[in-house]
């Protein structure tokens, strides 16, 4: 009974920490989940965390290069948008930020926030990538 509780706790911790660490790719997700799982649950936690992190990491794959190029070259809006919150991959933009759809690719939109160009998923407003 105690071992099941320990494994369940390790899995839950791996899920939460894997989501925080796996921001850009499957590799980062697997590595982050495995490290966190190992810390929390030893070898079993590492295995569960690695798999969980890989799954979460695939949910935020980078957009196609064509979309990145479009967003980099799009004119900067005249009105400067500043928010207090840190812009984080995987988190939604505040509702006050206006997002602009990417032509020819309705899966993506973008905004310029705190002088950073960000690519977002329009329906959830979730940040997919921050461009430097």
C-alpha atoms as a PDB file:
ATOM      1  CA  UNK A   1       0.000   0.000   0.000  1.00  0.00           C
ATOM      2  CA  UNK A   2       2.775   2.443   0.926  1.00  0.00           C
ATOM      3  CA  UNK A   3       4.664   1.732  -2.299  1.00  0.00           C
ATOM      4  CA  UNK A   4       1.545   2.479  -4.390  1.00  0.00           C
ATOM      5  CA  UNK A   5       1.115   5.770  -2.567  1.00  0.00           C
ATOM      6  CA  UNK A   6       4.777   6.620  -3.141  1.00  0.00           C
ATOM      7  CA  UNK A   7       4.564   5.822  -6.861  1.00  0.00           C
ATOM      8  CA  UNK A   8       1.339   7.821  -7.186  1.00  0.00           C
ATOM      9  CA  UNK A   9       2.942  10.791  -5.461  1.00  0.00           C
ATOM     10  CA  UNK A  10       5.993  10.521  -7.694  1.00  0.00           C
ATOM     11  CA  UNK A  11       3.802  10.411 -10.795  1.00  0.00           C
ATOM     12  CA  UNK A  12       1.813  13.461  -9.725  1.00  0.00           C
ATOM     13  CA  UNK A  13       4.975  15.413  -8.937  1.00  0.00           C
ATOM     14  CA  UNK A  14       6.466  14.368 -12.260  1.00  0.00           C
ATOM     15  CA  UNK A  15       3.403  15.553 -14.154  1.00  0.00           C
ATOM     16  CA  UNK A  16       3.439  18.964 -12.533  1.00  0.00           C
ATOM     17  CA  UNK A  17       7.168  19.543 -12.756  1.00  0.00           C
ATOM     18  CA  UNK A  18       7.404  18.018 -16.225  1.00  0.00           C
ATOM     19  CA  UNK A  19       4.878  20.597 -17.454  1.00  0.00           C
ATOM     20  CA  UNK A  20       6.950  23.428 -16.033  1.00  0.00           C
ATOM     21  CA  UNK A  21      10.221  22.164 -17.463  1.00  0.00           C
ATOM     22  CA  UNK A  22       9.061  20.915 -20.861  1.00  0.00           C
ATOM     23  CA  UNK A  23       8.542  24.207 -22.622  1.00  0.00           C
ATOM     24  CA  UNK A  24       9.956  23.793 -26.066  1.00  0.00           C
ATOM     25  CA  UNK A  25      10.452  20.217 -27.204  1.00  0.00           C
ATOM     26  CA  UNK A  26      10.060  16.548 -26.563  1.00  0.00           C
ATOM     27  CA  UNK A  27      13.754  16.204 -25.669  1.00  0.00           C
ATOM     28  CA  UNK A  28      13.595  18.941 -23.042  1.00  0.00           C
ATOM     29  CA  UNK A  29      10.370  17.477 -21.693  1.00  0.00           C
ATOM     30  CA  UNK A  30      11.771  13.976 -21.409  1.00  0.00           C
ATOM     31  CA  UNK A  31      14.988  15.154 -19.793  1.00  0.00           C
ATOM     32  CA  UNK A  32      13.251  17.528 -17.380  1.00  0.00           C
ATOM     33  CA  UNK A  33      10.642  14.970 -16.426  1.00  0.00           C
ATOM     34  CA  UNK A  34      13.231  12.260 -15.893  1.00  0.00           C
ATOM     35  CA  UNK A  35      15.420  14.434 -13.676  1.00  0.00           C
ATOM     36  CA  UNK A  36      12.501  15.609 -11.575  1.00  0.00           C
ATOM     37  CA  UNK A  37      11.064  12.114 -11.385  1.00  0.00           C
ATOM     38  CA  UNK A  38      14.430  10.729 -10.256  1.00  0.00           C
ATOM     39  CA  UNK A  39      14.691  13.321  -7.511  1.00  0.00           C
ATOM     40  CA  UNK A  40      11.169  12.633  -6.273  1.00  0.00           C
ATOM     41  CA  UNK A  41      10.799   8.923  -6.899  1.00  0.00           C
ATOM     42  CA  UNK A  42      14.158   7.339  -7.672  1.00  0.00           C
ATOM     43  CA  UNK A  43      14.477   5.043 -10.717  1.00  0.00           C
ATOM     44  CA  UNK A  44      10.727   4.468 -11.064  1.00  0.00           C
ATOM     45  CA  UNK A  45      10.089   8.213 -10.833  1.00  0.00           C
ATOM     46  CA  UNK A  46      12.738   8.852 -13.491  1.00  0.00           C
ATOM     47  CA  UNK A  47      11.034   6.474 -15.919  1.00  0.00           C
ATOM     48  CA  UNK A  48       7.554   7.856 -15.287  1.00  0.00           C
ATOM     49  CA  UNK A  49       8.813  11.466 -15.353  1.00  0.00           C
ATOM     50  CA  UNK A  50      10.684  10.955 -18.605  1.00  0.00           C
ATOM     51  CA  UNK A  51       7.663   9.523 -20.389  1.00  0.00           C
ATOM     52  CA  UNK A  52       5.338  12.167 -18.957  1.00  0.00           C
ATOM     53  CA  UNK A  53       7.741  14.979 -19.813  1.00  0.00           C
ATOM     54  CA  UNK A  54       8.094  13.721 -23.385  1.00  0.00           C
ATOM     55  CA  UNK A  55       4.323  13.676 -23.824  1.00  0.00           C
ATOM     56  CA  UNK A  56       3.950  17.181 -22.422  1.00  0.00           C
ATOM     57  CA  UNK A  57       6.891  18.437 -24.467  1.00  0.00           C
ATOM     58  CA  UNK A  58       5.265  17.396 -27.724  1.00  0.00           C
ATOM     59  CA  UNK A  59       2.246  19.566 -26.947  1.00  0.00           C
ATOM     60  CA  UNK A  60       4.302  22.735 -27.436  1.00  0.00           C
ATOM     61  CA  UNK A  61       6.332  22.052 -30.561  1.00  0.00           C
ATOM     62  CA  UNK A  62       7.716  25.141 -32.287  1.00  0.00           C
ATOM     63  CA  UNK A  63       5.761  26.665 -35.177  1.00  0.00           C
ATOM     64  CA  UNK A  64       6.858  26.229 -38.806  1.00  0.00           C
ATOM     65  CA  UNK A  65       9.709  28.436 -40.023  1.00  0.00           C
ATOM     66  CA  UNK A  66       7.339  30.241 -42.403  1.00  0.00           C
ATOM     67  CA  UNK A  67       5.286  31.444 -39.408  1.00  0.00           C
ATOM     68  CA  UNK A  68       8.410  32.498 -37.465  1.00  0.00           C
ATOM     69  CA  UNK A  69       9.691  34.470 -40.470  1.00  0.00           C
ATOM     70  CA  UNK A  70       6.334  36.195 -40.941  1.00  0.00           C
ATOM     71  CA  UNK A  71       6.151  37.224 -37.270  1.00  0.00           C
ATOM     72  CA  UNK A  72       9.768  38.476 -37.270  1.00  0.00           C
ATOM     73  CA  UNK A  73       9.135  40.630 -40.363  1.00  0.00           C
ATOM     74  CA  UNK A  74       5.641  41.894 -39.485  1.00  0.00           C
ATOM     75  CA  UNK A  75       5.469  45.620 -38.773  1.00  0.00           C
ATOM     76  CA  UNK A  76       5.615  46.598 -35.117  1.00  0.00           C
ATOM     77  CA  UNK A  77       2.320  48.080 -33.890  1.00  0.00           C
ATOM     78  CA  UNK A  78       2.380  51.804 -33.169  1.00  0.00           C
ATOM     79  CA  UNK A  79       0.898  51.358 -29.703  1.00  0.00           C
ATOM     80  CA  UNK A  80       3.396  49.789 -27.303  1.00  0.00           C
ATOM     81  CA  UNK A  81       1.947  46.953 -25.175  1.00  0.00           C
ATOM     82  CA  UNK A  82       3.432  46.468 -21.716  1.00  0.00           C
ATOM     83  CA  UNK A  83       2.246  43.944 -19.144  1.00  0.00           C
ATOM     84  CA  UNK A  84       3.548  43.292 -15.639  1.00  0.00           C
ATOM     85  CA  UNK A  85       3.360  39.511 -16.010  1.00  0.00           C
ATOM     86  CA  UNK A  86       6.370  37.677 -17.394  1.00  0.00           C
ATOM     87  CA  UNK A  87       5.701  36.189 -20.824  1.00  0.00           C
ATOM     88  CA  UNK A  88       6.172  32.430 -20.441  1.00  0.00           C
ATOM     89  CA  UNK A  89       5.969  29.670 -23.044  1.00  0.00           C
ATOM     90  CA  UNK A  90       2.963  27.479 -22.288  1.00  0.00           C
ATOM     91  CA  UNK A  91       1.080  30.203 -20.403  1.00  0.00           C
ATOM     92  CA  UNK A  92      -1.701  32.319 -21.938  1.00  0.00           C
ATOM     93  CA  UNK A  93      -1.258  36.001 -22.690  1.00  0.00           C
ATOM     94  CA  UNK A  94      -3.349  38.378 -20.572  1.00  0.00           C
ATOM     95  CA  UNK A  95      -6.766  39.167 -22.073  1.00  0.00           C
ATOM     96  CA  UNK A  96      -5.738  42.810 -22.481  1.00  0.00           C
ATOM     97  CA  UNK A  97      -3.188  41.870 -25.167  1.00  0.00           C
ATOM     98  CA  UNK A  98      -4.521  41.948 -28.717  1.00  0.00           C
ATOM     99  CA  UNK A  99      -3.335  39.031 -30.856  1.00  0.00           C
ATOM    100  CA  UNK A 100      -3.122  39.226 -34.644  1.00  0.00           C
ATOM    101  CA  UNK A 101      -3.782  36.133 -36.785  1.00  0.00           C
ATOM    102  CA  UNK A 102      -0.980  34.902 -39.047  1.00  0.00           C
ATOM    103  CA  UNK A 103      -2.274  35.024 -42.648  1.00  0.00           C
ATOM    104  CA  UNK A 104      -2.442  31.645 -44.399  1.00  0.00           C
ATOM    105  CA  UNK A 105      -2.012  29.780 -41.096  1.00  0.00           C
ATOM    106  CA  UNK A 106      -4.992  30.063 -38.725  1.00  0.00           C
ATOM    107  CA  UNK A 107      -3.302  27.791 -36.145  1.00  0.00           C
ATOM    108  CA  UNK A 108      -1.074  30.721 -35.125  1.00  0.00           C
ATOM    109  CA  UNK A 109      -1.345  34.343 -34.076  1.00  0.00           C
ATOM    110  CA  UNK A 110       1.174  36.799 -32.723  1.00  0.00           C
ATOM    111  CA  UNK A 111       1.585  39.863 -30.547  1.00  0.00           C
ATOM    112  CA  UNK A 112       4.338  42.254 -29.564  1.00  0.00           C
ATOM    113  CA  UNK A 113       4.415  42.461 -25.772  1.00  0.00           C
ATOM    114  CA  UNK A 114       7.079  44.142 -23.635  1.00  0.00           C
ATOM    115  CA  UNK A 115       9.037  44.676 -26.890  1.00  0.00           C
ATOM    116  CA  UNK A 116       9.094  40.903 -27.520  1.00  0.00           C
ATOM    117  CA  UNK A 117       7.388  39.192 -30.431  1.00  0.00           C
ATOM    118  CA  UNK A 118       5.427  36.151 -29.309  1.00  0.00           C
ATOM    119  CA  UNK A 119       3.692  33.447 -31.296  1.00  0.00           C
ATOM    120  CA  UNK A 120       0.496  32.153 -29.715  1.00  0.00           C
ATOM    121  CA  UNK A 121      -2.268  29.641 -30.237  1.00  0.00           C
ATOM    122  CA  UNK A 122      -5.282  31.876 -30.988  1.00  0.00           C
ATOM    123  CA  UNK A 123      -7.987  29.816 -29.261  1.00  0.00           C
ATOM    124  CA  UNK A 124      -6.224  29.488 -25.903  1.00  0.00           C
ATOM    125  CA  UNK A 125      -3.873  32.507 -26.245  1.00  0.00           C
ATOM    126  CA  UNK A 126      -1.135  30.121 -25.016  1.00  0.00           C
ATOM    127  CA  UNK A 127       2.401  31.318 -25.852  1.00  0.00           C
ATOM    128  CA  UNK A 128       4.104  28.879 -28.196  1.00  0.00           C
ATOM    129  CA  UNK A 129       7.351  30.730 -28.789  1.00  0.00           C
ATOM    130  CA  UNK A 130       9.028  34.001 -27.774  1.00  0.00           C
ATOM    131  CA  UNK A 131      11.197  35.473 -30.527  1.00  0.00           C
ATOM    132  CA  UNK A 132      14.307  37.483 -29.678  1.00  0.00           C
END
